[in-house]
Amino acid sequence: MTIAFLNDEFVPLEEARISPMDRGFLFGDGIYEVIPSYDGKLIGLDLHLTRLENGLNEIGINTSWSRGHLTNIFTELMERNGNGNLGIYLQITRGVTMKRNHAFPANTAPTLFAYTFDIPEPVSGDPDKVTHWKVTTRHDLRWQRCHIKSTSLLGNVLHMMEGVTEGGGEILLFDADNQLTEAAACNVFVVHNNEVKTPPLDQHKLAGVTRDMALHILRAHSSLRVKETHITKDEVLAADEVWLSSSTKELEPVVSIDGEPVGNGQPGPVWAHAQSLFDLHRFDHFE
């Protein structure tokens, strides 16, 4: 039985209830985070909480919960759910108002919900154990504020389902200038001639915590050239390697795009090196 946390109370997940007048339900008016943990140790906590605070500020949700209070909730949730390899889903919405109105209501109490779910054991650059992603491509049709980790994810969901329908499970998105933005639920890295590249952050891309950690780790612990730069679709299709990154995937290789192999169609050596370094340094403290 999974134990969740809802508005100052630990409850069985199946008993957690919110009002249908909660603005998270009516408008997707909220911010969320997914924080991985292994054996009770949280990964990238400071980066996740910073992004959470930035998102709440961007949409004007004011809360009184400190980082220490949230961390205590996470710790107890992990303990109540057996520690192990768990993802923590945290969602904060603007709360309940008994009049449905697009404009923000005054003085609502935010709703805080969190629960845990099992995540796979991390891999250490082993191509036989990692997921081999086969992806397709699309023009990015999401909204223009993708840097906010909002619960309003319908655009991402529709793009993800295009990838699922086409048998891949993920999709690479490109803007009107045919430059790479991200995937439906991941950031993207591309490798050319041992140079690791990822698109620079702007309003079209989420500041992924794993992306941030991977850039830091590669710059600090490898001799690889690492660059944040615009990447065209032609460059993606000609890449030696392509990776997806997210908190629950870490770094995972893409082996085909639109039915064509990436490189030799197998996880590449630069990915193996990068994921091995991530495995060694995921518990480093990140500000």
Protein backbone atom coordinates (compact mmCIF):
# COMPACT_ATOMS: atom_id res chain seq x y z
CA MET A 1 0.00 0.00 0.00
CA THR A 2 1.45 3.33 -1.07
CA ILE A 3 1.33 6.16 1.47
CA ALA A 4 0.83 9.66 0.10
CA PHE A 5 0.89 13.14 1.63
CA LEU A 6 -2.01 15.55 1.11
CA ASN A 7 -2.38 18.88 2.91
CA ASP A 8 -0.51 18.07 6.13
CA GLU A 9 -1.62 14.46 6.39
CA PHE A 10 -0.13 11.10 5.44
CA VAL A 11 -2.85 8.90 3.94
CA PRO A 12 -3.10 5.74 1.82
CA LEU A 13 -2.88 6.87 -1.80
CA GLU A 14 -6.25 5.33 -2.69
CA GLU A 15 -7.88 7.43 0.07
CA ALA A 16 -6.38 10.78 -1.00
CA ARG A 17 -9.13 13.19 -2.10
CA ILE A 18 -9.17 16.72 -3.49
CA SER A 19 -12.07 19.03 -4.25
CA PRO A 20 -13.28 19.16 -7.87
CA MET A 21 -13.06 22.93 -7.43
CA ASP A 22 -9.28 22.76 -6.96
CA ARG A 23 -7.70 24.92 -9.66
CA GLY A 24 -5.18 22.18 -10.36
CA PHE A 25 -8.12 20.02 -11.47
CA LEU A 26 -10.00 22.79 -13.28
CA PHE A 27 -7.15 24.64 -14.97
CA GLY A 28 -3.93 22.67 -14.50
CA ASP A 29 -2.99 25.66 -12.32
CA GLY A 30 0.02 24.28 -10.49
CA ILE A 31 3.67 23.29 -10.48
CA TYR A 32 5.16 19.83 -10.04
CA GLU A 33 8.49 18.10 -9.52
CA VAL A 34 9.69 14.50 -9.80
CA ILE A 35 12.64 13.77 -7.52
CA PRO A 36 14.46 10.41 -7.72
CA SER A 37 15.87 8.61 -4.70
CA TYR A 38 17.94 5.47 -4.24
CA ASP A 39 17.97 3.68 -0.87
CA GLY A 40 16.58 6.74 0.85
CA LYS A 41 19.04 9.21 -0.74
CA LEU A 42 17.52 12.04 -2.76
CA ILE A 43 19.18 13.02 -6.05
CA GLY A 44 19.65 16.67 -7.04
CA LEU A 45 17.37 17.92 -4.25
CA ASP A 46 18.64 21.52 -4.24
CA LEU A 47 18.21 21.80 -8.02
CA HIS A 48 14.68 20.39 -7.86
CA LEU A 49 13.64 22.73 -5.05
CA THR A 50 15.15 25.73 -6.82
CA ARG A 51 13.19 24.89 -9.98
CA LEU A 52 10.03 24.38 -7.89
CA GLU A 53 10.45 27.79 -6.26
CA ASN A 54 11.12 29.44 -9.63
CA GLY A 55 8.00 27.86 -11.11
CA LEU A 56 5.80 28.92 -8.19
CA ASN A 57 7.14 32.47 -8.49
CA GLU A 58 6.55 32.51 -12.27
CA ILE A 59 2.83 31.75 -11.85
CA GLY A 60 2.32 33.65 -8.60
CA ILE A 61 1.61 30.88 -6.09
CA ASN A 62 2.73 31.89 -2.62
CA THR A 63 3.45 29.21 -0.03
CA SER A 64 4.83 29.16 3.50
CA TRP A 65 6.53 25.77 3.20
CA SER A 66 10.27 25.87 3.74
CA ARG A 67 12.80 23.62 2.02
CA GLY A 68 13.35 21.91 5.35
CA HIS A 69 9.63 21.19 5.74
CA LEU A 70 9.39 19.73 2.23
CA THR A 71 12.53 17.64 2.76
CA ASN A 72 11.04 16.23 5.98
CA ILE A 73 7.91 15.24 4.05
CA PHE A 74 10.02 13.51 1.40
CA THR A 75 12.07 11.67 4.03
CA GLU A 76 8.99 10.38 5.84
CA LEU A 77 7.32 9.40 2.57
CA MET A 78 10.37 7.36 1.59
CA GLU A 79 10.48 5.67 4.99
CA ARG A 80 6.75 4.89 5.00
CA ASN A 81 7.09 3.39 1.51
CA GLY A 82 10.13 1.24 2.25
CA ASN A 83 12.88 3.45 0.83
CA GLY A 84 14.45 1.50 -2.05
CA ASN A 85 14.41 3.06 -5.54
CA LEU A 86 11.61 5.60 -5.47
CA GLY A 87 10.52 8.64 -7.43
CA ILE A 88 8.76 11.35 -5.43
CA TYR A 89 6.01 13.19 -7.27
CA LEU A 90 5.28 16.60 -5.71
CA GLN A 91 2.47 18.86 -6.90
CA ILE A 92 1.47 22.27 -5.57
CA THR A 93 -1.67 23.90 -6.98
CA ARG A 94 -3.24 27.29 -6.33
CA GLY A 95 -5.93 25.56 -4.27
CA VAL A 96 -9.70 25.53 -3.99
CA THR A 97 -12.11 28.34 -4.81
CA MET A 98 -15.87 27.84 -5.01
CA LYS A 99 -16.21 30.12 -8.06
CA ARG A 100 -14.63 28.98 -11.33
CA ASN A 101 -12.89 32.00 -12.84
CA HIS A 102 -9.86 32.20 -15.11
CA ALA A 103 -8.44 35.10 -13.08
CA PHE A 104 -6.42 34.18 -10.01
CA PRO A 105 -8.55 34.23 -6.85
CA ALA A 106 -7.30 36.07 -3.77
CA ASN A 107 -6.17 34.34 -0.59
CA THR A 108 -6.61 30.68 -1.54
CA ALA A 109 -4.67 28.06 0.38
CA PRO A 110 -2.40 26.07 -1.96
CA THR A 111 -2.89 22.31 -2.20
CA LEU A 112 0.19 20.17 -1.59
CA PHE A 113 0.19 16.55 -2.77
CA ALA A 114 3.06 14.08 -2.87
CA TYR A 115 3.45 10.34 -3.34
CA THR A 116 6.14 7.83 -4.26
CA PHE A 117 6.44 5.34 -7.10
CA ASP A 118 9.00 2.69 -7.97
CA ILE A 119 11.77 3.61 -10.41
CA PRO A 120 14.28 1.29 -12.08
CA GLU A 121 17.66 0.59 -10.56
CA PRO A 122 20.20 2.93 -12.19
CA VAL A 123 22.61 1.54 -14.75
CA SER A 124 26.31 2.29 -15.04
CA GLY A 125 26.95 2.58 -18.75
CA ASP A 126 25.90 -1.02 -19.46
CA PRO A 127 24.34 -1.14 -22.96
CA ASP A 128 22.70 -4.48 -22.20
CA LYS A 129 20.73 -3.09 -19.25
CA VAL A 130 19.66 0.32 -20.54
CA THR A 131 16.55 1.11 -22.57
CA HIS A 132 17.26 1.51 -26.29
CA TRP A 133 14.97 4.33 -27.45
CA LYS A 134 13.45 4.43 -30.92
CA VAL A 135 11.99 7.87 -31.50
CA THR A 136 10.20 9.86 -34.16
CA THR A 137 10.25 13.60 -34.91
CA ARG A 138 7.63 16.35 -34.99
CA HIS A 139 7.26 20.11 -35.15
CA ASP A 140 6.96 21.40 -31.57
CA LEU A 141 3.34 22.51 -31.07
CA ARG A 142 3.43 23.13 -27.29
CA TRP A 143 2.92 26.49 -25.62
CA GLN A 144 5.62 29.16 -25.39
CA ARG A 145 6.40 28.79 -21.67
CA CYS A 146 7.86 25.29 -21.52
CA HIS A 147 10.48 26.50 -19.03
CA ILE A 148 7.72 26.42 -16.37
CA LYS A 149 7.20 22.88 -15.00
CA SER A 150 3.44 23.29 -15.01
CA THR A 151 0.90 20.56 -14.44
CA SER A 152 -0.72 21.75 -17.71
CA LEU A 153 0.92 19.05 -19.80
CA LEU A 154 -1.63 18.35 -22.55
CA GLY A 155 0.75 19.52 -25.29
CA ASN A 156 3.43 17.14 -24.02
CA VAL A 157 0.90 14.33 -23.65
CA LEU A 158 -0.31 14.69 -27.24
CA HIS A 159 3.26 14.68 -28.58
CA MET A 160 4.12 11.67 -26.40
CA MET A 161 1.15 9.76 -27.78
CA GLU A 162 2.36 10.46 -31.33
CA GLY A 163 5.60 8.71 -30.38
CA VAL A 164 3.77 5.86 -28.66
CA THR A 165 1.40 5.39 -31.60
CA GLU A 166 4.38 5.17 -33.95
CA GLY A 167 5.98 2.50 -31.79
CA GLY A 168 8.76 4.47 -30.15
CA GLY A 169 7.51 5.83 -26.86
CA GLU A 170 9.22 9.23 -27.23
CA ILE A 171 9.51 11.97 -29.81
CA LEU A 172 12.06 14.65 -30.69
CA LEU A 173 10.60 18.13 -31.15
CA PHE A 174 11.83 20.90 -33.47
CA ASP A 175 10.83 24.55 -33.64
CA ALA A 176 9.78 26.56 -36.71
CA ASP A 177 13.44 26.97 -37.69
CA ASN A 178 14.00 23.19 -37.51
CA GLN A 179 16.12 23.53 -34.37
CA LEU A 180 15.92 20.91 -31.64
CA THR A 181 13.96 21.89 -28.53
CA GLU A 182 13.49 18.73 -26.43
CA ALA A 183 11.49 15.51 -26.25
CA ALA A 184 7.96 15.16 -24.87
CA ALA A 185 9.25 14.27 -21.39
CA CYS A 186 13.05 14.60 -21.64
CA ASN A 187 15.92 16.88 -22.52
CA VAL A 188 18.15 15.78 -25.42
CA PHE A 189 21.91 15.48 -25.92
CA VAL A 190 23.67 14.98 -29.25
CA VAL A 191 27.24 13.73 -29.85
CA HIS A 192 29.35 14.68 -32.89
CA ASN A 193 33.02 13.66 -33.04
CA ASN A 194 33.24 13.24 -29.24
CA GLU A 195 31.66 16.66 -28.64
CA VAL A 196 28.55 16.58 -26.45
CA LYS A 197 25.93 19.20 -27.30
CA THR A 198 22.53 20.14 -25.92
CA PRO A 199 20.25 23.07 -26.82
CA PRO A 200 20.60 26.24 -24.70
CA LEU A 201 17.80 26.96 -22.26
CA ASP A 202 15.03 29.39 -23.15
CA GLN A 203 11.25 29.55 -22.81
CA HIS A 204 10.85 26.58 -25.18
CA LYS A 205 12.76 24.15 -22.94
CA LEU A 206 12.55 22.93 -19.39
CA ALA A 207 15.67 23.36 -17.27
CA GLY A 208 16.09 19.66 -16.60
CA VAL A 209 17.82 18.75 -13.34
CA THR A 210 19.48 15.69 -14.88
CA ARG A 211 20.56 17.86 -17.82
CA ASP A 212 22.16 20.31 -15.38
CA MET A 213 23.84 17.56 -13.37
CA ALA A 214 25.14 15.83 -16.52
CA LEU A 215 26.66 19.05 -17.85
CA HIS A 216 28.35 19.70 -14.51
CA ILE A 217 29.65 16.14 -14.18
CA LEU A 218 30.99 15.96 -17.74
CA ARG A 219 32.72 19.32 -17.46
CA ALA A 220 34.24 18.46 -14.09
CA HIS A 221 35.19 14.82 -14.59
CA SER A 222 35.82 14.19 -18.30
CA SER A 223 37.94 15.54 -21.13
CA LEU A 224 34.94 15.65 -23.46
CA ARG A 225 34.06 18.91 -25.14
CA VAL A 226 30.64 19.98 -23.84
CA LYS A 227 28.62 22.75 -25.44
CA GLU A 228 25.19 24.34 -25.09
CA THR A 229 24.32 25.39 -28.62
CA HIS A 230 21.53 25.41 -31.17
CA ILE A 231 21.22 22.07 -33.00
CA THR A 232 19.46 21.66 -36.34
CA LYS A 233 17.40 18.66 -37.36
CA ASP A 234 20.02 17.77 -39.97
CA GLU A 235 22.67 17.72 -37.23
CA VAL A 236 20.51 15.47 -35.06
CA LEU A 237 19.94 13.03 -37.92
CA ALA A 238 23.69 12.97 -38.67
CA ALA A 239 24.74 12.54 -35.01
CA ASP A 240 27.05 9.79 -33.80
CA GLU A 241 24.93 9.44 -30.66
CA VAL A 242 21.71 10.92 -29.25
CA TRP A 243 20.64 10.65 -25.61
CA LEU A 244 17.51 11.40 -23.61
CA SER A 245 17.81 12.73 -20.06
CA SER A 246 15.32 12.93 -17.20
CA SER A 247 15.24 12.40 -13.46
CA THR A 248 13.92 8.83 -13.72
CA LYS A 249 15.91 7.87 -16.86
CA GLU A 250 19.21 9.63 -16.09
CA LEU A 251 20.95 9.30 -19.50
CA GLU A 252 19.49 6.82 -21.98
CA PRO A 253 20.53 6.27 -25.62
CA VAL A 254 18.42 6.78 -28.72
CA VAL A 255 19.22 4.06 -31.28
CA SER A 256 16.92 5.11 -34.13
CA ILE A 257 15.12 8.23 -35.36
CA ASP A 258 12.22 7.99 -37.82
CA GLY A 259 13.23 4.39 -38.51
CA GLU A 260 16.85 5.21 -39.33
CA PRO A 261 19.71 4.10 -37.03
CA VAL A 262 21.66 6.57 -34.95
CA GLY A 263 25.33 5.71 -35.56
CA ASN A 264 25.52 1.93 -35.71
CA GLY A 265 22.11 1.54 -34.07
CA GLN A 266 23.55 0.64 -30.66
CA PRO A 267 24.31 2.65 -27.49
CA GLY A 268 27.56 4.50 -28.14
CA PRO A 269 30.82 4.68 -26.19
CA VAL A 270 30.40 8.35 -25.23
CA TRP A 271 27.02 7.55 -23.69
CA ALA A 272 28.55 4.63 -21.77
CA HIS A 273 31.30 6.90 -20.43
CA ALA A 274 28.86 9.68 -19.52
CA GLN A 275 26.40 7.40 -17.73
CA SER A 276 29.26 5.71 -15.85
CA LEU A 277 30.39 9.13 -14.63
CA PHE A 278 26.81 10.01 -13.68
CA ASP A 279 26.63 6.77 -11.70
CA LEU A 280 29.76 7.77 -9.77
CA HIS A 281 28.70 11.35 -9.06
CA ARG A 282 24.90 11.39 -8.79
CA PHE A 283 25.14 11.82 -5.03
CA ASP A 284 27.44 14.84 -5.29
CA HIS A 285 26.01 17.98 -3.74
CA PHE A 286 24.65 20.33 -6.39
CA GLU A 287 23.72 23.94 -5.68
